[in-house]
N, C-alpha and C. Protein backbone atom coordinates (compact mmCIF):
# COMPACT_ATOMS: atom_id res chain seq x y z
N MET A 1 143.17 106.99 113.16
CA MET A 1 144.40 106.68 112.46
C MET A 1 145.56 106.78 113.43
N ASN A 2 146.44 105.81 113.37
CA ASN A 2 147.70 105.91 114.09
C ASN A 2 148.72 106.54 113.16
N HIS A 3 149.52 107.46 113.67
CA HIS A 3 150.46 108.17 112.80
C HIS A 3 151.83 108.27 113.45
N TYR A 4 152.87 108.08 112.65
CA TYR A 4 154.24 108.09 113.15
C TYR A 4 154.68 109.45 113.69
N LEU A 5 154.04 110.54 113.28
CA LEU A 5 154.39 111.86 113.83
C LEU A 5 153.76 112.11 115.20
N HIS A 6 152.77 111.29 115.56
CA HIS A 6 152.07 111.47 116.83
C HIS A 6 151.71 110.09 117.38
N PRO A 7 152.71 109.32 117.77
CA PRO A 7 152.47 107.91 118.10
C PRO A 7 151.73 107.65 119.41
N ASP A 8 151.64 108.63 120.28
CA ASP A 8 151.04 108.38 121.60
C ASP A 8 149.52 108.40 121.61
N HIS A 9 148.91 109.01 120.58
CA HIS A 9 147.45 109.12 120.56
C HIS A 9 146.91 108.84 119.16
N HIS A 10 145.67 108.46 119.11
CA HIS A 10 144.95 108.20 117.86
C HIS A 10 144.50 109.53 117.25
N LEU A 11 144.60 109.66 115.92
CA LEU A 11 144.11 110.84 115.22
C LEU A 11 142.76 110.52 114.60
N VAL A 12 141.84 111.48 114.69
CA VAL A 12 140.49 111.31 114.18
C VAL A 12 140.29 112.24 112.98
N HIS A 13 139.66 111.72 111.92
CA HIS A 13 139.35 112.51 110.73
C HIS A 13 138.12 113.36 111.04
N VAL A 14 138.30 114.68 111.04
CA VAL A 14 137.19 115.58 111.40
C VAL A 14 137.10 116.74 110.43
N HIS A 15 135.93 117.36 110.40
CA HIS A 15 135.73 118.61 109.68
C HIS A 15 135.29 119.64 110.70
N MET A 16 136.11 120.68 110.85
CA MET A 16 135.79 121.75 111.80
C MET A 16 135.85 123.07 111.05
N GLU A 17 134.90 123.93 111.32
CA GLU A 17 134.86 125.24 110.66
C GLU A 17 135.81 126.21 111.35
N SER A 18 137.07 125.84 111.41
CA SER A 18 138.07 126.71 112.03
C SER A 18 139.41 126.50 111.34
N ASP A 19 140.26 127.49 111.45
CA ASP A 19 141.61 127.39 110.92
C ASP A 19 142.47 126.58 111.88
N PHE A 20 143.55 126.01 111.36
CA PHE A 20 144.49 125.28 112.21
C PHE A 20 145.88 125.38 111.60
N LEU A 21 146.87 125.16 112.42
CA LEU A 21 148.25 125.08 111.96
C LEU A 21 148.62 123.61 111.90
N CYS A 22 148.99 123.13 110.73
CA CYS A 22 149.34 121.73 110.57
C CYS A 22 150.60 121.44 111.38
N SER A 23 150.52 120.43 112.22
CA SER A 23 151.64 120.06 113.07
C SER A 23 152.74 119.36 112.29
N GLY A 24 152.46 118.97 111.05
CA GLY A 24 153.46 118.32 110.21
C GLY A 24 154.25 119.33 109.38
N CYS A 25 153.56 120.08 108.52
CA CYS A 25 154.25 120.99 107.60
C CYS A 25 154.28 122.43 108.08
N LYS A 26 153.56 122.74 109.14
CA LYS A 26 153.50 124.08 109.73
C LYS A 26 152.85 125.12 108.83
N VAL A 27 151.97 124.67 107.93
CA VAL A 27 151.21 125.55 107.05
C VAL A 27 149.77 125.57 107.54
N GLU A 28 149.15 126.75 107.50
CA GLU A 28 147.77 126.87 107.96
C GLU A 28 146.82 126.06 107.08
N GLY A 29 145.77 125.57 107.71
CA GLY A 29 144.73 124.84 107.01
C GLY A 29 143.37 125.27 107.53
N HIS A 30 142.33 124.76 106.88
CA HIS A 30 140.96 125.08 107.30
C HIS A 30 140.08 123.87 107.00
N GLY A 31 139.19 123.58 107.92
CA GLY A 31 138.20 122.53 107.66
C GLY A 31 138.68 121.14 108.01
N VAL A 32 138.75 120.27 106.99
CA VAL A 32 139.04 118.85 107.19
C VAL A 32 140.49 118.66 107.64
N ARG A 33 140.66 117.76 108.61
CA ARG A 33 142.00 117.47 109.14
C ARG A 33 141.96 116.16 109.92
N TYR A 34 143.12 115.65 110.23
CA TYR A 34 143.26 114.56 111.20
C TYR A 34 143.70 115.22 112.49
N ARG A 35 143.02 114.89 113.59
CA ARG A 35 143.21 115.66 114.82
C ARG A 35 143.28 114.76 116.05
N CYS A 36 144.17 115.16 116.96
CA CYS A 36 144.19 114.61 118.31
C CYS A 36 143.62 115.69 119.20
N HIS A 37 142.41 115.47 119.70
CA HIS A 37 141.75 116.48 120.53
C HIS A 37 142.49 116.69 121.85
N GLU A 38 143.09 115.64 122.36
CA GLU A 38 143.78 115.71 123.65
C GLU A 38 145.00 116.63 123.60
N CYS A 39 145.71 116.63 122.47
CA CYS A 39 146.97 117.38 122.36
C CYS A 39 146.88 118.61 121.45
N ASP A 40 145.74 118.83 120.81
CA ASP A 40 145.60 119.89 119.81
C ASP A 40 146.62 119.69 118.70
N PHE A 41 146.80 118.44 118.27
CA PHE A 41 147.69 118.07 117.18
C PHE A 41 146.83 117.92 115.93
N ASN A 42 147.19 118.60 114.83
CA ASN A 42 146.39 118.59 113.61
C ASN A 42 147.28 118.32 112.41
N LEU A 43 146.78 117.54 111.46
CA LEU A 43 147.47 117.30 110.20
C LEU A 43 146.52 117.51 109.04
N HIS A 44 147.01 118.19 107.97
CA HIS A 44 146.26 118.21 106.71
C HIS A 44 146.04 116.75 106.28
N GLU A 45 145.03 116.50 105.49
CA GLU A 45 144.81 115.15 104.98
C GLU A 45 146.04 114.66 104.23
N HIS A 46 146.63 115.53 103.40
CA HIS A 46 147.81 115.16 102.63
C HIS A 46 148.98 114.81 103.55
N CYS A 47 149.22 115.61 104.55
CA CYS A 47 150.34 115.36 105.48
C CYS A 47 150.12 114.07 106.26
N ALA A 48 148.88 113.78 106.60
CA ALA A 48 148.58 112.56 107.34
C ALA A 48 148.85 111.32 106.50
N ARG A 49 148.74 111.45 105.19
CA ARG A 49 148.92 110.30 104.30
C ARG A 49 150.34 110.17 103.76
N CYS A 50 151.22 111.12 104.07
CA CYS A 50 152.61 111.03 103.61
C CYS A 50 153.30 109.84 104.27
N SER A 51 154.02 109.12 103.47
CA SER A 51 154.73 107.95 103.97
C SER A 51 155.95 108.36 104.78
N SER A 52 156.34 107.54 105.72
CA SER A 52 157.56 107.82 106.48
C SER A 52 158.81 107.49 105.68
N THR A 53 158.66 106.72 104.61
CA THR A 53 159.76 106.43 103.70
C THR A 53 159.28 106.52 102.26
N ILE A 54 160.18 106.86 101.35
CA ILE A 54 159.85 106.89 99.92
C ILE A 54 161.00 106.28 99.13
N SER A 55 160.70 105.84 97.94
CA SER A 55 161.68 105.32 97.02
C SER A 55 161.79 106.28 95.84
N VAL A 56 163.02 106.63 95.46
CA VAL A 56 163.23 107.53 94.32
C VAL A 56 164.25 106.89 93.37
N ARG A 57 164.09 107.15 92.07
CA ARG A 57 164.98 106.55 91.06
C ARG A 57 166.43 106.97 91.23
N MET A 58 166.68 108.21 91.64
CA MET A 58 168.05 108.70 91.76
C MET A 58 168.81 108.04 92.90
N HIS A 59 168.08 107.36 93.78
CA HIS A 59 168.70 106.70 94.92
C HIS A 59 167.99 105.38 95.15
N SER A 60 168.12 104.50 94.17
CA SER A 60 167.31 103.28 94.17
C SER A 60 167.83 102.19 95.12
N ASP A 61 169.04 102.35 95.66
CA ASP A 61 169.58 101.33 96.55
C ASP A 61 168.94 101.33 97.94
N HIS A 62 168.40 102.49 98.35
CA HIS A 62 167.85 102.61 99.69
C HIS A 62 166.60 103.48 99.66
N LEU A 63 165.75 103.28 100.64
CA LEU A 63 164.61 104.17 100.83
C LEU A 63 165.07 105.46 101.49
N LEU A 64 164.39 106.55 101.19
CA LEU A 64 164.63 107.81 101.90
C LEU A 64 163.65 107.86 103.07
N THR A 65 164.12 108.26 104.21
CA THR A 65 163.31 108.31 105.43
C THR A 65 162.98 109.75 105.75
N LEU A 66 161.75 109.98 106.16
CA LEU A 66 161.32 111.32 106.51
C LEU A 66 162.08 111.81 107.74
N TYR A 67 162.70 112.96 107.60
CA TYR A 67 163.43 113.61 108.69
C TYR A 67 162.49 114.63 109.30
N VAL A 68 162.26 114.54 110.59
CA VAL A 68 161.36 115.45 111.28
C VAL A 68 162.17 116.28 112.26
N LEU A 69 162.14 117.59 112.09
CA LEU A 69 162.83 118.47 113.01
C LEU A 69 162.10 118.46 114.34
N SER A 70 162.85 118.25 115.41
CA SER A 70 162.24 118.22 116.74
C SER A 70 163.24 118.73 117.76
N GLU A 71 162.78 118.87 118.98
CA GLU A 71 163.67 119.29 120.05
C GLU A 71 164.77 118.25 120.27
N ASP A 72 164.46 116.99 120.03
CA ASP A 72 165.45 115.92 120.18
C ASP A 72 166.43 115.87 119.02
N ASN A 73 166.06 116.48 117.89
CA ASN A 73 166.88 116.44 116.68
C ASN A 73 166.91 117.85 116.08
N PRO A 74 167.63 118.80 116.70
CA PRO A 74 167.54 120.21 116.31
C PRO A 74 168.43 120.61 115.13
N ASP A 75 169.18 119.70 114.52
CA ASP A 75 170.07 120.04 113.42
C ASP A 75 169.25 120.43 112.20
N ARG A 76 169.24 121.70 111.85
CA ARG A 76 168.39 122.20 110.77
C ARG A 76 169.04 122.15 109.38
N GLU A 77 170.34 122.12 109.30
CA GLU A 77 171.00 122.17 107.99
C GLU A 77 171.18 120.77 107.41
N ARG A 78 170.80 120.62 106.16
CA ARG A 78 170.94 119.36 105.43
C ARG A 78 171.52 119.67 104.05
N ARG A 79 172.24 118.71 103.48
CA ARG A 79 172.81 118.86 102.15
C ARG A 79 172.18 117.81 101.25
N CYS A 80 171.74 118.25 100.07
CA CYS A 80 171.19 117.34 99.08
C CYS A 80 172.33 116.52 98.48
N ASN A 81 172.18 115.20 98.47
CA ASN A 81 173.21 114.34 97.91
C ASN A 81 173.20 114.32 96.39
N VAL A 82 172.17 114.88 95.76
CA VAL A 82 172.10 114.93 94.31
C VAL A 82 172.72 116.22 93.79
N CYS A 83 172.21 117.38 94.25
CA CYS A 83 172.70 118.66 93.73
C CYS A 83 173.77 119.30 94.61
N GLN A 84 174.01 118.74 95.79
CA GLN A 84 175.01 119.22 96.75
C GLN A 84 174.69 120.59 97.35
N LYS A 85 173.48 121.10 97.13
CA LYS A 85 173.10 122.37 97.74
C LYS A 85 172.70 122.15 99.19
N SER A 86 173.04 123.12 100.00
CA SER A 86 172.69 123.06 101.41
C SER A 86 171.33 123.72 101.60
N THR A 87 170.54 123.19 102.50
CA THR A 87 169.23 123.76 102.78
C THR A 87 168.96 123.71 104.27
N VAL A 88 168.07 124.55 104.71
CA VAL A 88 167.66 124.55 106.11
C VAL A 88 166.29 123.91 106.21
N VAL A 89 166.19 122.88 107.02
CA VAL A 89 164.92 122.17 107.22
C VAL A 89 164.13 122.93 108.27
N THR A 90 162.90 123.31 107.94
CA THR A 90 162.07 124.03 108.91
C THR A 90 161.10 123.09 109.62
N THR A 91 160.69 122.02 108.98
CA THR A 91 159.79 121.07 109.64
C THR A 91 160.15 119.63 109.29
N THR A 92 160.01 119.26 108.01
CA THR A 92 160.26 117.89 107.58
C THR A 92 160.95 117.87 106.22
N ALA A 93 161.66 116.80 105.94
CA ALA A 93 162.30 116.59 104.63
C ALA A 93 162.64 115.12 104.50
N TYR A 94 162.77 114.64 103.25
CA TYR A 94 163.21 113.26 103.01
C TYR A 94 164.69 113.29 102.74
């Protein structure tokens, strides 16, 4: 699988009897995952299938794009345009 979170290498669907830290959501997983053996990059099946954009009724004029916290994009604070509450992004958010 080619994935937008890891565009340089192909991810392989594997089952390994070991724990892993998901490179997408940063939550531990076990067993089945999508993996880049070269980089030790792992995604839960659910995280691997998450779309890079979504459509929601409250904001039907535009798609929401997945925001990925990275060294190139270190701004952690985001404000919800619906409820106006501020939140800190730890890994990803739409």
